[in-house]
Amino acid sequence: MVSAYQDYSKDVGVVIPRGNLFAFQVSHITPPLNQNQTVNLAFLLPEEVIAAMAQIANGTIALNL
């Protein structure tokens, strides 16, 4: 399997990043854990749910529970 991956990686041009630039970029991908973070998960919801949430937020429709 290792040799098959080596052949595949050569065929498709897999590049394994290394060095100081890569280490710097990886260390700056996410903010430090002691900072507030905002995560938007709306892209995981169906469009109908997002539309209903927007209507509730702007007062177009009311939510009766």
PDB file of N, CA and C in Angstrom:
ATOM      1  N   MET A   1       0.824  -1.182   0.000  1.00  0.00           N
ATOM      2  CA  MET A   1       0.000   0.000   0.000  1.00  0.00           C
ATOM      3  C   MET A   1       0.876   1.256   0.000  1.00  0.00           C
ATOM      4  N   VAL A   2       1.998   1.201   0.707  1.00  0.00           N
ATOM      5  CA  VAL A   2       2.905   2.349   0.745  1.00  0.00           C
ATOM      6  C   VAL A   2       3.442   2.661  -0.644  1.00  0.00           C
ATOM      7  N   SER A   3       3.824   1.638  -1.366  1.00  0.00           N
ATOM      8  CA  SER A   3       4.348   1.890  -2.713  1.00  0.00           C
ATOM      9  C   SER A   3       3.253   2.405  -3.638  1.00  0.00           C
ATOM     10  N   ALA A   4       2.023   1.936  -3.455  1.00  0.00           N
ATOM     11  CA  ALA A   4       0.909   2.431  -4.271  1.00  0.00           C
ATOM     12  C   ALA A   4       0.678   3.915  -3.993  1.00  0.00           C
ATOM     13  N   TYR A   5       0.770   4.319  -2.726  1.00  0.00           N
ATOM     14  CA  TYR A   5       0.594   5.744  -2.399  1.00  0.00           C
ATOM     15  C   TYR A   5       1.740   6.559  -2.983  1.00  0.00           C
ATOM     16  N   GLN A   6       2.951   6.059  -2.919  1.00  0.00           N
ATOM     17  CA  GLN A   6       4.085   6.788  -3.484  1.00  0.00           C
ATOM     18  C   GLN A   6       3.893   7.010  -4.976  1.00  0.00           C
ATOM     19  N   ASP A   7       3.417   6.001  -5.677  1.00  0.00           N
ATOM     20  CA  ASP A   7       3.135   6.152  -7.112  1.00  0.00           C
ATOM     21  C   ASP A   7       2.020   7.170  -7.331  1.00  0.00           C
ATOM     22  N   TYR A   8       0.959   7.053  -6.535  1.00  0.00           N
ATOM     23  CA  TYR A   8      -0.169   7.988  -6.655  1.00  0.00           C
ATOM     24  C   TYR A   8       0.298   9.420  -6.397  1.00  0.00           C
ATOM     25  N   SER A   9       1.068   9.632  -5.327  1.00  0.00           N
ATOM     26  CA  SER A   9       1.499  10.988  -4.978  1.00  0.00           C
ATOM     27  C   SER A   9       2.366  11.597  -6.069  1.00  0.00           C
ATOM     28  N   LYS A  10       3.167  10.782  -6.733  1.00  0.00           N
ATOM     29  CA  LYS A  10       3.978  11.284  -7.842  1.00  0.00           C
ATOM     30  C   LYS A  10       3.092  11.638  -9.033  1.00  0.00           C
ATOM     31  N   ASP A  11       2.071  10.802  -9.289  1.00  0.00           N
ATOM     32  CA  ASP A  11       1.178  11.034 -10.431  1.00  0.00           C
ATOM     33  C   ASP A  11       0.372  12.321 -10.282  1.00  0.00           C
ATOM     34  N   VAL A  12      -0.121  12.592  -9.072  1.00  0.00           N
ATOM     35  CA  VAL A  12      -0.993  13.759  -8.878  1.00  0.00           C
ATOM     36  C   VAL A  12      -0.247  14.972  -8.340  1.00  0.00           C
ATOM     37  N   GLY A  13       1.023  14.808  -7.969  1.00  0.00           N
ATOM     38  CA  GLY A  13       1.817  15.945  -7.517  1.00  0.00           C
ATOM     39  C   GLY A  13       1.586  16.333  -6.066  1.00  0.00           C
ATOM     40  N   VAL A  14       1.445  15.367  -5.182  1.00  0.00           N
ATOM     41  CA  VAL A  14       1.264  15.658  -3.759  1.00  0.00           C
ATOM     42  C   VAL A  14       2.532  16.324  -3.237  1.00  0.00           C
ATOM     43  N   VAL A  15       2.354  17.449  -2.540  1.00  0.00           N
ATOM     44  CA  VAL A  15       3.478  18.162  -1.943  1.00  0.00           C
ATOM     45  C   VAL A  15       3.252  18.207  -0.443  1.00  0.00           C
ATOM     46  N   ILE A  16       4.196  17.692   0.326  1.00  0.00           N
ATOM     47  CA  ILE A  16       4.097  17.720   1.775  1.00  0.00           C
ATOM     48  C   ILE A  16       4.814  18.976   2.258  1.00  0.00           C
ATOM     49  N   PRO A  17       4.063  19.936   2.838  1.00  0.00           N
ATOM     50  CA  PRO A  17       4.682  21.189   3.266  1.00  0.00           C
ATOM     51  C   PRO A  17       5.632  20.978   4.435  1.00  0.00           C
ATOM     52  N   ARG A  18       6.739  21.702   4.394  1.00  0.00           N
ATOM     53  CA  ARG A  18       7.751  21.606   5.444  1.00  0.00           C
ATOM     54  C   ARG A  18       8.393  22.972   5.617  1.00  0.00           C
ATOM     55  N   GLY A  19       9.129  23.128   6.694  1.00  0.00           N
ATOM     56  CA  GLY A  19       9.939  24.321   6.883  1.00  0.00           C
ATOM     57  C   GLY A  19       9.299  25.367   7.766  1.00  0.00           C
ATOM     58  N   ASN A  20      10.021  26.474   7.923  1.00  0.00           N
ATOM     59  CA  ASN A  20       9.594  27.540   8.829  1.00  0.00           C
ATOM     60  C   ASN A  20       8.323  28.244   8.362  1.00  0.00           C
ATOM     61  N   LEU A  21       8.185  28.483   7.068  1.00  0.00           N
ATOM     62  CA  LEU A  21       6.996  29.158   6.564  1.00  0.00           C
ATOM     63  C   LEU A  21       5.752  28.329   6.871  1.00  0.00           C
ATOM     64  N   PHE A  22       5.818  27.030   6.633  1.00  0.00           N
ATOM     65  CA  PHE A  22       4.679  26.158   6.928  1.00  0.00           C
ATOM     66  C   PHE A  22       4.366  26.175   8.423  1.00  0.00           C
ATOM     67  N   ALA A  23       5.377  26.088   9.260  1.00  0.00           N
ATOM     68  CA  ALA A  23       5.165  26.099  10.711  1.00  0.00           C
ATOM     69  C   ALA A  23       4.513  27.401  11.145  1.00  0.00           C
ATOM     70  N   PHE A  24       4.931  28.525  10.568  1.00  0.00           N
ATOM     71  CA  PHE A  24       4.335  29.821  10.904  1.00  0.00           C
ATOM     72  C   PHE A  24       2.876  29.864  10.478  1.00  0.00           C
ATOM     73  N   GLN A  25       2.583  29.407   9.266  1.00  0.00           N
ATOM     74  CA  GLN A  25       1.203  29.435   8.768  1.00  0.00           C
ATOM     75  C   GLN A  25       0.295  28.561   9.620  1.00  0.00           C
ATOM     76  N   VAL A  26       0.743  27.385   9.990  1.00  0.00           N
ATOM     77  CA  VAL A  26      -0.066  26.481  10.801  1.00  0.00           C
ATOM     78  C   VAL A  26      -0.334  27.084  12.171  1.00  0.00           C
ATOM     79  N   SER A  27       0.643  27.751  12.732  1.00  0.00           N
ATOM     80  CA  SER A  27       0.472  28.316  14.068  1.00  0.00           C
ATOM     81  C   SER A  27      -0.468  29.511  14.071  1.00  0.00           C
ATOM     82  N   HIS A  28      -0.811  30.053  12.898  1.00  0.00           N
ATOM     83  CA  HIS A  28      -1.696  31.218  12.828  1.00  0.00           C
ATOM     84  C   HIS A  28      -3.042  30.912  12.168  1.00  0.00           C
ATOM     85  N   ILE A  29      -3.374  29.642  12.015  1.00  0.00           N
ATOM     86  CA  ILE A  29      -4.650  29.278  11.396  1.00  0.00           C
ATOM     87  C   ILE A  29      -5.815  29.611  12.322  1.00  0.00           C
ATOM     88  N   THR A  30      -5.696  29.300  13.591  1.00  0.00           N
ATOM     89  CA  THR A  30      -6.778  29.543  14.543  1.00  0.00           C
ATOM     90  C   THR A  30      -6.310  30.532  15.599  1.00  0.00           C
ATOM     91  N   PRO A  31      -7.238  31.310  16.148  1.00  0.00           N
ATOM     92  CA  PRO A  31      -6.860  32.250  17.205  1.00  0.00           C
ATOM     93  C   PRO A  31      -6.521  31.491  18.486  1.00  0.00           C
ATOM     94  N   PRO A  32      -5.784  32.120  19.384  1.00  0.00           N
ATOM     95  CA  PRO A  32      -5.480  31.479  20.662  1.00  0.00           C
ATOM     96  C   PRO A  32      -6.756  31.114  21.411  1.00  0.00           C
ATOM     97  N   LEU A  33      -6.694  30.093  22.231  1.00  0.00           N
ATOM     98  CA  LEU A  33      -7.888  29.622  22.933  1.00  0.00           C
ATOM     99  C   LEU A  33      -8.389  30.607  23.976  1.00  0.00           C
ATOM    100  N   ASN A  34      -7.567  31.574  24.390  1.00  0.00           N
ATOM    101  CA  ASN A  34      -8.032  32.541  25.385  1.00  0.00           C
ATOM    102  C   ASN A  34      -8.744  33.729  24.744  1.00  0.00           C
ATOM    103  N   GLN A  35      -8.988  33.700  23.450  1.00  0.00           N
ATOM    104  CA  GLN A  35      -9.743  34.746  22.764  1.00  0.00           C
ATOM    105  C   GLN A  35     -11.138  34.236  22.429  1.00  0.00           C
ATOM    106  N   ASN A  36     -12.117  35.158  22.399  1.00  0.00           N
ATOM    107  CA  ASN A  36     -13.461  34.785  21.975  1.00  0.00           C
ATOM    108  C   ASN A  36     -13.423  34.343  20.516  1.00  0.00           C
ATOM    109  N   GLN A  37     -14.223  33.340  20.208  1.00  0.00           N
ATOM    110  CA  GLN A  37     -14.268  32.826  18.850  1.00  0.00           C
ATOM    111  C   GLN A  37     -15.723  32.729  18.405  1.00  0.00           C
ATOM    112  N   THR A  38     -15.977  33.071  17.170  1.00  0.00           N
ATOM    113  CA  THR A  38     -17.308  32.973  16.599  1.00  0.00           C
ATOM    114  C   THR A  38     -17.304  31.884  15.545  1.00  0.00           C
ATOM    115  N   VAL A  39     -18.261  30.988  15.654  1.00  0.00           N
ATOM    116  CA  VAL A  39     -18.377  29.895  14.694  1.00  0.00           C
ATOM    117  C   VAL A  39     -19.742  30.005  14.041  1.00  0.00           C
ATOM    118  N   ASN A  40     -19.768  30.084  12.715  1.00  0.00           N
ATOM    119  CA  ASN A  40     -21.016  30.176  11.973  1.00  0.00           C
ATOM    120  C   ASN A  40     -21.320  28.809  11.384  1.00  0.00           C
ATOM    121  N   LEU A  41     -22.327  28.154  11.928  1.00  0.00           N
ATOM    122  CA  LEU A  41     -22.680  26.820  11.451  1.00  0.00           C
ATOM    123  C   LEU A  41     -23.890  26.843  10.520  1.00  0.00           C
ATOM    124  N   ALA A  42     -24.295  28.039  10.090  1.00  0.00           N
ATOM    125  CA  ALA A  42     -25.479  28.160   9.241  1.00  0.00           C
ATOM    126  C   ALA A  42     -25.342  27.351   7.957  1.00  0.00           C
ATOM    127  N   PHE A  43     -24.135  27.210   7.449  1.00  0.00           N
ATOM    128  CA  PHE A  43     -23.958  26.471   6.197  1.00  0.00           C
ATOM    129  C   PHE A  43     -24.314  25.000   6.344  1.00  0.00           C
ATOM    130  N   LEU A  44     -24.461  24.516   7.578  1.00  0.00           N
ATOM    131  CA  LEU A  44     -24.832  23.123   7.796  1.00  0.00           C
ATOM    132  C   LEU A  44     -26.346  22.911   7.765  1.00  0.00           C
ATOM    133  N   LEU A  45     -27.090  24.002   7.853  1.00  0.00           N
ATOM    134  CA  LEU A  45     -28.545  23.903   7.925  1.00  0.00           C
ATOM    135  C   LEU A  45     -29.168  23.942   6.535  1.00  0.00           C
ATOM    136  N   PRO A  46     -30.310  23.293   6.377  1.00  0.00           N
ATOM    137  CA  PRO A  46     -31.031  23.396   5.102  1.00  0.00           C
ATOM    138  C   PRO A  46     -31.477  24.836   4.857  1.00  0.00           C
ATOM    139  N   GLU A  47     -31.606  25.217   3.599  1.00  0.00           N
ATOM    140  CA  GLU A  47     -31.979  26.592   3.248  1.00  0.00           C
ATOM    141  C   GLU A  47     -33.297  27.012   3.886  1.00  0.00           C
ATOM    142  N   GLU A  48     -34.248  26.095   4.021  1.00  0.00           N
ATOM    143  CA  GLU A  48     -35.541  26.438   4.596  1.00  0.00           C
ATOM    144  C   GLU A  48     -35.396  26.862   6.054  1.00  0.00           C
ATOM    145  N   VAL A  49     -34.525  26.199   6.785  1.00  0.00           N
ATOM    146  CA  VAL A  49     -34.310  26.540   8.192  1.00  0.00           C
ATOM    147  C   VAL A  49     -33.658  27.908   8.299  1.00  0.00           C
ATOM    148  N   ILE A  50     -32.686  28.185   7.446  1.00  0.00           N
ATOM    149  CA  ILE A  50     -32.011  29.477   7.454  1.00  0.00           C
ATOM    150  C   ILE A  50     -33.006  30.589   7.134  1.00  0.00           C
ATOM    151  N   ALA A  51     -33.870  30.364   6.149  1.00  0.00           N
ATOM    152  CA  ALA A  51     -34.869  31.368   5.786  1.00  0.00           C
ATOM    153  C   ALA A  51     -35.835  31.612   6.936  1.00  0.00           C
ATOM    154  N   ALA A  52     -36.280  30.556   7.610  1.00  0.00           N
ATOM    155  CA  ALA A  52     -37.190  30.707   8.746  1.00  0.00           C
ATOM    156  C   ALA A  52     -36.516  31.457   9.886  1.00  0.00           C
ATOM    157  N   MET A  53     -35.244  31.154  10.140  1.00  0.00           N
ATOM    158  CA  MET A  53     -34.522  31.857  11.198  1.00  0.00           C
ATOM    159  C   MET A  53     -34.410  33.350  10.893  1.00  0.00           C
ATOM    160  N   ALA A  54     -34.177  33.689   9.631  1.00  0.00           N
ATOM    161  CA  ALA A  54     -34.084  35.095   9.233  1.00  0.00           C
ATOM    162  C   ALA A  54     -35.423  35.791   9.420  1.00  0.00           C
ATOM    163  N   GLN A  55     -36.515  35.111   9.084  1.00  0.00           N
ATOM    164  CA  GLN A  55     -37.839  35.708   9.249  1.00  0.00           C
ATOM    165  C   GLN A  55     -38.170  35.904  10.722  1.00  0.00           C
ATOM    166  N   ILE A  56     -37.777  34.987  11.550  1.00  0.00           N
ATOM    167  CA  ILE A  56     -37.997  35.127  12.999  1.00  0.00           C
ATOM    168  C   ILE A  56     -37.171  36.287  13.524  1.00  0.00           C
ATOM    169  N   ALA A  57     -35.919  36.395  13.082  1.00  0.00           N
ATOM    170  CA  ALA A  57     -35.020  37.438  13.571  1.00  0.00           C
ATOM    171  C   ALA A  57     -35.509  38.833  13.181  1.00  0.00           C
ATOM    172  N   ASN A  58     -36.060  38.997  11.976  1.00  0.00           N
ATOM    173  CA  ASN A  58     -36.494  40.324  11.562  1.00  0.00           C
ATOM    174  C   ASN A  58     -37.959  40.603  11.874  1.00  0.00           C
ATOM    175  N   GLY A  59     -38.621  39.672  12.530  1.00  0.00           N
ATOM    176  CA  GLY A  59     -40.007  39.884  12.964  1.00  0.00           C
ATOM    177  C   GLY A  59     -41.060  39.638  11.908  1.00  0.00           C
ATOM    178  N   THR A  60     -40.672  39.079  10.758  1.00  0.00           N
ATOM    179  CA  THR A  60     -41.633  38.811   9.687  1.00  0.00           C
ATOM    180  C   THR A  60     -42.642  37.756  10.120  1.00  0.00           C
ATOM    181  N   ILE A  61     -42.170  36.740  10.841  1.00  0.00           N
ATOM    182  CA  ILE A  61     -43.085  35.731  11.366  1.00  0.00           C
ATOM    183  C   ILE A  61     -42.797  35.553  12.860  1.00  0.00           C
ATOM    184  N   ALA A  62     -43.768  35.039  13.563  1.00  0.00           N
ATOM    185  CA  ALA A  62     -43.610  34.798  14.985  1.00  0.00           C
ATOM    186  C   ALA A  62     -43.470  33.299  15.221  1.00  0.00           C
ATOM    187  N   LEU A  63     -42.757  32.955  16.256  1.00  0.00           N
ATOM    188  CA  LEU A  63     -42.565  31.561  16.610  1.00  0.00           C
ATOM    189  C   LEU A  63     -43.490  31.230  17.762  1.00  0.00           C
ATOM    190  N   ASN A  64     -44.448  30.355  17.534  1.00  0.00           N
ATOM    191  CA  ASN A  64     -45.373  29.946  18.573  1.00  0.00           C
ATOM    192  C   ASN A  64     -44.956  28.577  19.111  1.00  0.00           C
ATOM    193  N   LEU A  65     -44.611  28.555  20.360  1.00  0.00           N
ATOM    194  CA  LEU A  65     -44.201  27.282  20.960  1.00  0.00           C
ATOM    195  C   LEU A  65     -45.266  26.779  21.893  1.00  0.00           C
TER     196      LEU A  65
END
